[in-house]
Amino acid sequence: MNESFPFVSMGLSLNVCAWGDPAAPPLVLLHGVRDHARSWDRIAQSFAGRYRVLAPDLRGHGDSEWAKGGFYPTEGYVFDLAQLVETLGLQRFDLIGHSLGGNVGLRFAALFPQKVRRIVAIEGLSHSPKMVAEASAKPVETRLHEWIARQREIAAKPPRRYASLAQATARLAAQHPRLDPELAAHLTRHGVRENGDGTLSFKFDPALRAFPPAELPAQDAWRLWSLVACPALLVYGAQSWASNPAQDGRARNFRDARVATLEDAGHWAHHDARDAFLTQTQRFLMEP
């Protein structure tokens, strides 16, 4: 990483990590939920020779401030990205987003099609049609009751504390068993902060463990995807729990989208099969 700097969005101070020549074409990287900007280090270094790489810590993550009240609708992240683009005066850029970051990037590209030249969304279409149907089967009042109960449960517990970096790394590795040990240690080292008693806690807001109780209706999401004017590369891991949009029909909502499936990769496909991901992504971004 060359540097980091803050910007302000909706009264929150948000952190941005940057690599490469400030005069180079911009490439924005958006991480997923409960992750952080330094998760992109290895990938950013692969692009820094050609791009000015910018990776914000999303609100509630990394070294960015938490949202008051612990409420994180996706629209807030979209606004933050729009604010970053406005603050830096970015005219046109490429974008790569993972999971939540891919979802945010696609919505931004739909709203501001003149800004995004090409977009790569790694498992970034949010819930599959099957998951949407399962959630919709619950009455809205049930979903809201469950969300309130979950938020109260989270608020009643202090953030998890770890006695050592090794213990925190073991926790992360257990959650993401496909990560190689070196990367798991790197993600943990940059993803924790020290408490007053010398223990460590992950930096993300614990409220992020509960997803918002309501999202855009599927028809509205499809409408937004149809407004994405630039070419889109939708990357999926062959071993992921996520549904492949080429098979479930969601890719048909885009004007110009192709799906790339990475073998022996899960939800964190860009980490699990990094070389294959970089090869396909660099080829895609190099196209005119």
Protein backbone atom coordinates (compact mmCIF):
# COMPACT_ATOMS: atom_id res chain seq x y z
CA MET A 1 0.00 0.00 0.00
CA ASN A 2 1.34 3.42 -0.94
CA GLU A 3 -0.85 5.48 1.36
CA SER A 4 -4.20 5.80 3.10
CA PHE A 5 -6.41 8.83 3.54
CA PRO A 6 -9.87 9.68 4.91
CA PHE A 7 -12.95 11.17 3.32
CA VAL A 8 -16.32 12.07 4.85
CA SER A 9 -19.70 10.64 3.87
CA MET A 10 -22.93 11.25 5.78
CA GLY A 11 -20.87 12.51 8.70
CA LEU A 12 -18.74 9.35 8.87
CA SER A 13 -14.97 9.39 8.43
CA LEU A 14 -14.15 6.60 5.99
CA ASN A 15 -10.69 5.27 5.20
CA VAL A 16 -9.25 4.65 1.73
CA CYS A 17 -6.13 2.65 0.89
CA ALA A 18 -4.31 3.53 -2.32
CA TRP A 19 -1.62 2.03 -4.52
CA GLY A 20 0.11 3.18 -7.70
CA ASP A 21 0.66 6.43 -9.56
CA PRO A 22 -1.98 9.09 -8.76
CA ALA A 23 -1.95 10.07 -12.44
CA ALA A 24 -2.76 6.54 -13.65
CA PRO A 25 -6.30 5.44 -14.63
CA PRO A 26 -8.35 4.65 -11.49
CA LEU A 27 -9.44 1.18 -10.39
CA VAL A 28 -11.79 0.97 -7.40
CA LEU A 29 -11.87 -2.20 -5.26
CA LEU A 30 -14.80 -2.89 -2.90
CA HIS A 31 -14.54 -5.62 -0.26
CA GLY A 32 -17.31 -7.80 1.15
CA VAL A 33 -19.18 -7.78 4.45
CA ARG A 34 -17.04 -8.07 7.62
CA ASP A 35 -13.88 -7.77 5.50
CA HIS A 36 -11.58 -4.76 4.99
CA ALA A 37 -9.61 -2.89 2.32
CA ARG A 38 -6.28 -4.58 3.10
CA SER A 39 -7.87 -7.83 1.97
CA TRP A 40 -7.06 -6.55 -1.53
CA ASP A 41 -3.30 -6.14 -0.95
CA ARG A 42 -2.09 -8.96 -3.19
CA ILE A 43 -4.54 -8.18 -5.96
CA ALA A 44 -3.95 -4.42 -5.75
CA GLN A 45 -0.23 -4.96 -6.19
CA SER A 46 -0.92 -6.84 -9.41
CA PHE A 47 -2.77 -3.82 -10.83
CA ALA A 48 -0.74 -0.97 -9.30
CA GLY A 49 1.71 -0.82 -12.22
CA ARG A 50 -1.08 0.22 -14.56
CA TYR A 51 -3.73 1.78 -12.32
CA ARG A 52 -4.24 4.13 -9.42
CA VAL A 53 -5.87 1.52 -7.19
CA LEU A 54 -8.33 2.79 -4.56
CA ALA A 55 -9.85 0.50 -1.92
CA PRO A 56 -12.11 2.04 0.73
CA ASP A 57 -12.92 0.44 4.05
CA LEU A 58 -16.71 0.37 3.81
CA ARG A 59 -18.59 2.03 6.67
CA GLY A 60 -18.52 -0.19 9.74
CA HIS A 61 -15.41 -2.01 8.48
CA GLY A 62 -11.65 -1.74 8.83
CA ASP A 63 -10.44 1.73 9.79
CA SER A 64 -13.69 3.47 8.81
CA GLU A 65 -16.21 4.67 11.38
CA TRP A 66 -19.24 2.64 12.38
CA ALA A 67 -22.72 3.85 11.50
CA LYS A 68 -24.61 5.15 14.51
CA GLY A 69 -27.24 2.69 15.59
CA GLY A 70 -25.64 -0.20 13.74
CA PHE A 71 -27.93 0.03 10.70
CA TYR A 72 -26.29 -0.75 7.36
CA PRO A 73 -28.67 -0.71 4.38
CA THR A 74 -26.97 -1.29 1.04
CA GLU A 75 -28.01 2.18 -0.14
CA GLY A 76 -25.68 3.71 2.46
CA TYR A 77 -22.68 2.00 0.89
CA VAL A 78 -23.79 3.12 -2.57
CA PHE A 79 -23.97 6.70 -1.32
CA ASP A 80 -20.49 6.38 0.20
CA LEU A 81 -19.07 5.22 -3.14
CA ALA A 82 -20.78 8.12 -4.90
CA GLN A 83 -19.31 10.47 -2.32
CA LEU A 84 -15.81 9.02 -2.79
CA VAL A 85 -16.10 9.45 -6.56
CA GLU A 86 -17.30 13.03 -6.11
CA THR A 87 -14.62 13.85 -3.52
CA LEU A 88 -11.77 12.57 -5.71
CA GLY A 89 -13.25 13.92 -8.94
CA LEU A 90 -13.11 10.53 -10.66
CA GLN A 91 -14.42 10.86 -14.21
CA ARG A 92 -14.39 7.24 -15.38
CA PHE A 93 -12.94 4.13 -13.77
CA ASP A 94 -12.91 0.35 -13.63
CA LEU A 95 -14.39 -1.39 -10.60
CA ILE A 96 -13.93 -4.77 -8.91
CA GLY A 97 -16.19 -5.75 -6.03
CA HIS A 98 -16.54 -8.88 -3.93
CA SER A 99 -19.89 -10.03 -2.52
CA LEU A 100 -21.40 -6.94 -0.83
CA GLY A 101 -18.84 -4.83 -2.72
CA GLY A 102 -19.95 -6.31 -6.03
CA ASN A 103 -23.59 -5.61 -5.17
CA VAL A 104 -22.73 -2.00 -4.28
CA GLY A 105 -20.62 -1.55 -7.41
CA LEU A 106 -23.36 -2.82 -9.72
CA ARG A 107 -25.94 -0.49 -8.19
CA PHE A 108 -23.56 2.44 -8.57
CA ALA A 109 -22.86 1.48 -12.20
CA ALA A 110 -26.62 1.40 -12.84
CA LEU A 111 -27.14 4.85 -11.35
CA PHE A 112 -24.04 6.45 -12.87
CA PRO A 113 -23.38 4.51 -16.09
CA GLN A 114 -21.12 7.22 -17.45
CA LYS A 115 -18.67 6.69 -14.59
CA VAL A 116 -17.89 2.96 -14.82
CA ARG A 117 -15.94 1.69 -17.84
CA ARG A 118 -15.91 -2.00 -16.86
CA ILE A 119 -17.02 -3.88 -13.76
CA VAL A 120 -16.05 -7.21 -12.22
CA ALA A 121 -18.49 -8.54 -9.62
CA ILE A 122 -17.20 -11.52 -7.61
CA GLU A 123 -20.28 -13.35 -6.32
CA GLY A 124 -21.89 -9.92 -6.14
CA LEU A 125 -25.53 -10.46 -7.11
CA SER A 126 -26.67 -10.91 -3.51
CA HIS A 127 -29.20 -13.64 -2.77
CA SER A 128 -30.03 -16.33 -5.31
CA PRO A 129 -33.62 -16.74 -6.56
CA LYS A 130 -33.97 -19.73 -4.23
CA MET A 131 -32.86 -17.71 -1.19
CA VAL A 132 -35.13 -14.82 -2.18
CA ALA A 133 -38.08 -17.21 -2.42
CA GLU A 134 -37.28 -18.72 0.97
CA ALA A 135 -37.04 -15.29 2.59
CA SER A 136 -40.25 -14.11 0.91
CA ALA A 137 -42.08 -17.11 2.29
CA LYS A 138 -41.76 -15.49 5.72
CA PRO A 139 -44.19 -12.63 6.34
CA VAL A 140 -42.48 -9.26 6.57
CA GLU A 141 -43.49 -8.90 10.23
CA THR A 142 -41.71 -12.16 11.02
CA ARG A 143 -38.54 -10.99 9.30
CA LEU A 144 -38.62 -7.69 11.18
CA HIS A 145 -39.21 -9.42 14.52
CA GLU A 146 -36.29 -11.76 13.84
CA TRP A 147 -34.01 -8.86 12.92
CA ILE A 148 -34.91 -6.92 16.08
CA ALA A 149 -34.28 -10.01 18.22
CA ARG A 150 -30.95 -10.65 16.51
CA GLN A 151 -29.79 -7.04 16.93
CA ARG A 152 -30.71 -7.14 20.62
CA GLU A 153 -28.80 -10.37 21.00
CA ILE A 154 -25.71 -8.86 19.35
CA ALA A 155 -25.92 -5.63 21.39
CA ALA A 156 -26.14 -7.60 24.64
CA LYS A 157 -22.81 -9.29 24.00
CA PRO A 158 -19.44 -7.50 24.04
CA PRO A 159 -17.32 -7.89 20.89
CA ARG A 160 -15.46 -11.18 20.81
CA ARG A 161 -11.99 -10.90 22.30
CA TYR A 162 -8.97 -12.98 21.38
CA ALA A 163 -5.94 -13.48 23.59
CA SER A 164 -3.47 -13.40 20.70
CA LEU A 165 -3.12 -12.79 16.98
CA ALA A 166 -2.69 -16.53 16.50
CA GLN A 167 -6.02 -17.19 18.18
CA ALA A 168 -7.79 -14.59 16.04
CA THR A 169 -6.15 -16.01 12.91
CA ALA A 170 -7.33 -19.49 13.83
CA ARG A 171 -10.88 -18.16 14.12
CA LEU A 172 -10.72 -16.56 10.66
CA ALA A 173 -9.13 -19.66 9.13
CA ALA A 174 -11.87 -21.85 10.58
CA GLN A 175 -14.51 -19.66 8.94
CA HIS A 176 -12.67 -19.63 5.60
CA PRO A 177 -10.80 -22.94 5.37
CA ARG A 178 -9.75 -22.42 1.75
CA LEU A 179 -7.48 -19.49 2.67
CA ASP A 180 -3.78 -20.25 2.63
CA PRO A 181 -2.22 -19.73 6.10
CA GLU A 182 -0.15 -16.72 5.04
CA LEU A 183 -3.17 -14.88 3.67
CA ALA A 184 -5.29 -15.77 6.71
CA ALA A 185 -2.58 -14.27 8.94
CA HIS A 186 -2.39 -11.14 6.75
CA LEU A 187 -6.15 -10.61 6.78
CA THR A 188 -6.26 -11.01 10.55
CA ARG A 189 -3.28 -8.75 11.23
CA HIS A 190 -4.93 -5.87 9.35
CA GLY A 191 -8.44 -6.77 10.46
CA VAL A 192 -8.07 -6.55 14.27
CA ARG A 193 -7.48 -3.80 16.79
CA GLU A 194 -6.13 -3.99 20.32
CA ASN A 195 -8.45 -3.53 23.28
CA GLY A 196 -7.50 -1.76 26.49
CA ASP A 197 -6.79 -5.06 28.23
CA GLY A 198 -4.38 -6.24 25.54
CA THR A 199 -6.83 -8.60 23.84
CA LEU A 200 -7.77 -8.27 20.18
CA SER A 201 -11.13 -7.83 18.47
CA PHE A 202 -11.99 -7.70 14.79
CA LYS A 203 -12.54 -4.15 13.57
CA PHE A 204 -15.94 -4.58 11.94
CA ASP A 205 -19.09 -3.46 13.74
CA PRO A 206 -20.69 -6.51 15.40
CA ALA A 207 -24.07 -5.22 14.18
CA LEU A 208 -22.98 -6.38 10.71
CA ARG A 209 -23.60 -9.96 11.82
CA ALA A 210 -27.31 -9.28 11.22
CA PHE A 211 -28.30 -8.45 7.66
CA PRO A 212 -30.91 -5.72 7.09
CA PRO A 213 -34.43 -7.16 7.37
CA ALA A 214 -35.55 -5.78 4.02
CA GLU A 215 -33.76 -5.45 0.70
CA LEU A 216 -34.69 -4.22 -2.74
CA PRO A 217 -37.39 -6.40 -4.29
CA ALA A 218 -35.91 -8.75 -6.88
CA GLN A 219 -37.67 -6.87 -9.69
CA ASP A 220 -35.97 -3.64 -8.63
CA ALA A 221 -32.55 -5.31 -8.53
CA TRP A 222 -33.13 -6.75 -12.01
CA ARG A 223 -34.15 -3.31 -13.21
CA LEU A 224 -30.90 -1.82 -11.90
CA TRP A 225 -28.78 -4.53 -13.50
CA SER A 226 -30.48 -3.80 -16.83
CA LEU A 227 -29.26 -0.20 -16.51
CA VAL A 228 -25.59 -1.20 -16.23
CA ALA A 229 -24.29 0.06 -19.57
CA CYS A 230 -20.70 -1.17 -19.32
CA PRO A 231 -19.45 -4.74 -19.86
CA ALA A 232 -19.69 -6.84 -16.68
CA LEU A 233 -17.71 -9.91 -15.67
CA LEU A 234 -19.58 -11.99 -13.08
CA VAL A 235 -17.10 -14.25 -11.28
CA TYR A 236 -18.22 -17.30 -9.32
CA GLY A 237 -16.45 -20.09 -7.43
CA ALA A 238 -17.37 -23.59 -8.57
CA GLN A 239 -17.42 -24.76 -4.93
CA SER A 240 -19.30 -21.76 -3.55
CA TRP A 241 -22.66 -21.84 -1.79
CA ALA A 242 -23.73 -19.03 -4.09
CA SER A 243 -25.94 -19.67 -7.10
CA ASN A 244 -24.35 -19.31 -10.55
CA PRO A 245 -26.18 -16.51 -12.44
CA ALA A 246 -25.62 -18.18 -15.80
CA GLN A 247 -27.64 -21.14 -14.55
CA ASP A 248 -30.29 -19.41 -12.43
CA GLY A 249 -31.12 -16.81 -15.08
CA ARG A 250 -29.97 -13.63 -13.34
CA ALA A 251 -27.24 -12.92 -15.91
CA ARG A 252 -29.95 -12.38 -18.53
CA ASN A 253 -30.89 -9.11 -16.82
CA PHE A 254 -27.64 -7.47 -17.96
CA ARG A 255 -27.06 -5.83 -21.31
CA ASP A 256 -23.50 -7.14 -21.60
CA ALA A 257 -22.43 -9.71 -19.03
CA ARG A 258 -20.37 -12.86 -19.09
CA VAL A 259 -19.95 -15.37 -16.28
CA ALA A 260 -16.55 -16.79 -15.33
CA THR A 261 -16.49 -19.84 -13.07
CA LEU A 262 -13.27 -20.51 -11.16
CA GLU A 263 -12.60 -24.15 -10.34
CA ASP A 264 -11.62 -25.21 -6.83
CA ALA A 265 -12.84 -21.88 -5.44
CA GLY A 266 -15.51 -20.93 -2.95
CA HIS A 267 -17.21 -17.62 -2.12
CA TRP A 268 -13.85 -15.86 -1.80
CA ALA A 269 -13.02 -16.91 -5.36
CA HIS A 270 -10.46 -14.14 -5.87
CA HIS A 271 -8.42 -15.52 -2.96
CA ASP A 272 -9.06 -19.22 -3.51
CA ALA A 273 -8.01 -19.14 -7.18
CA ARG A 274 -6.10 -15.87 -7.34
CA ASP A 275 -3.94 -16.65 -10.39
CA ALA A 276 -6.93 -17.70 -12.47
CA PHE A 277 -8.91 -14.71 -11.22
CA LEU A 278 -6.14 -12.28 -12.15
CA THR A 279 -5.69 -13.84 -15.59
CA GLN A 280 -9.38 -13.54 -16.46
CA THR A 281 -9.84 -10.11 -14.86
CA GLN A 282 -6.77 -8.54 -16.43
CA ARG A 283 -7.79 -9.88 -19.83
CA PHE A 284 -11.30 -8.47 -19.36
CA LEU A 285 -10.11 -5.05 -18.23
CA MET A 286 -7.61 -4.83 -21.10
CA GLU A 287 -10.38 -5.15 -23.68
CA PRO A 288 -11.25 -1.85 -25.41
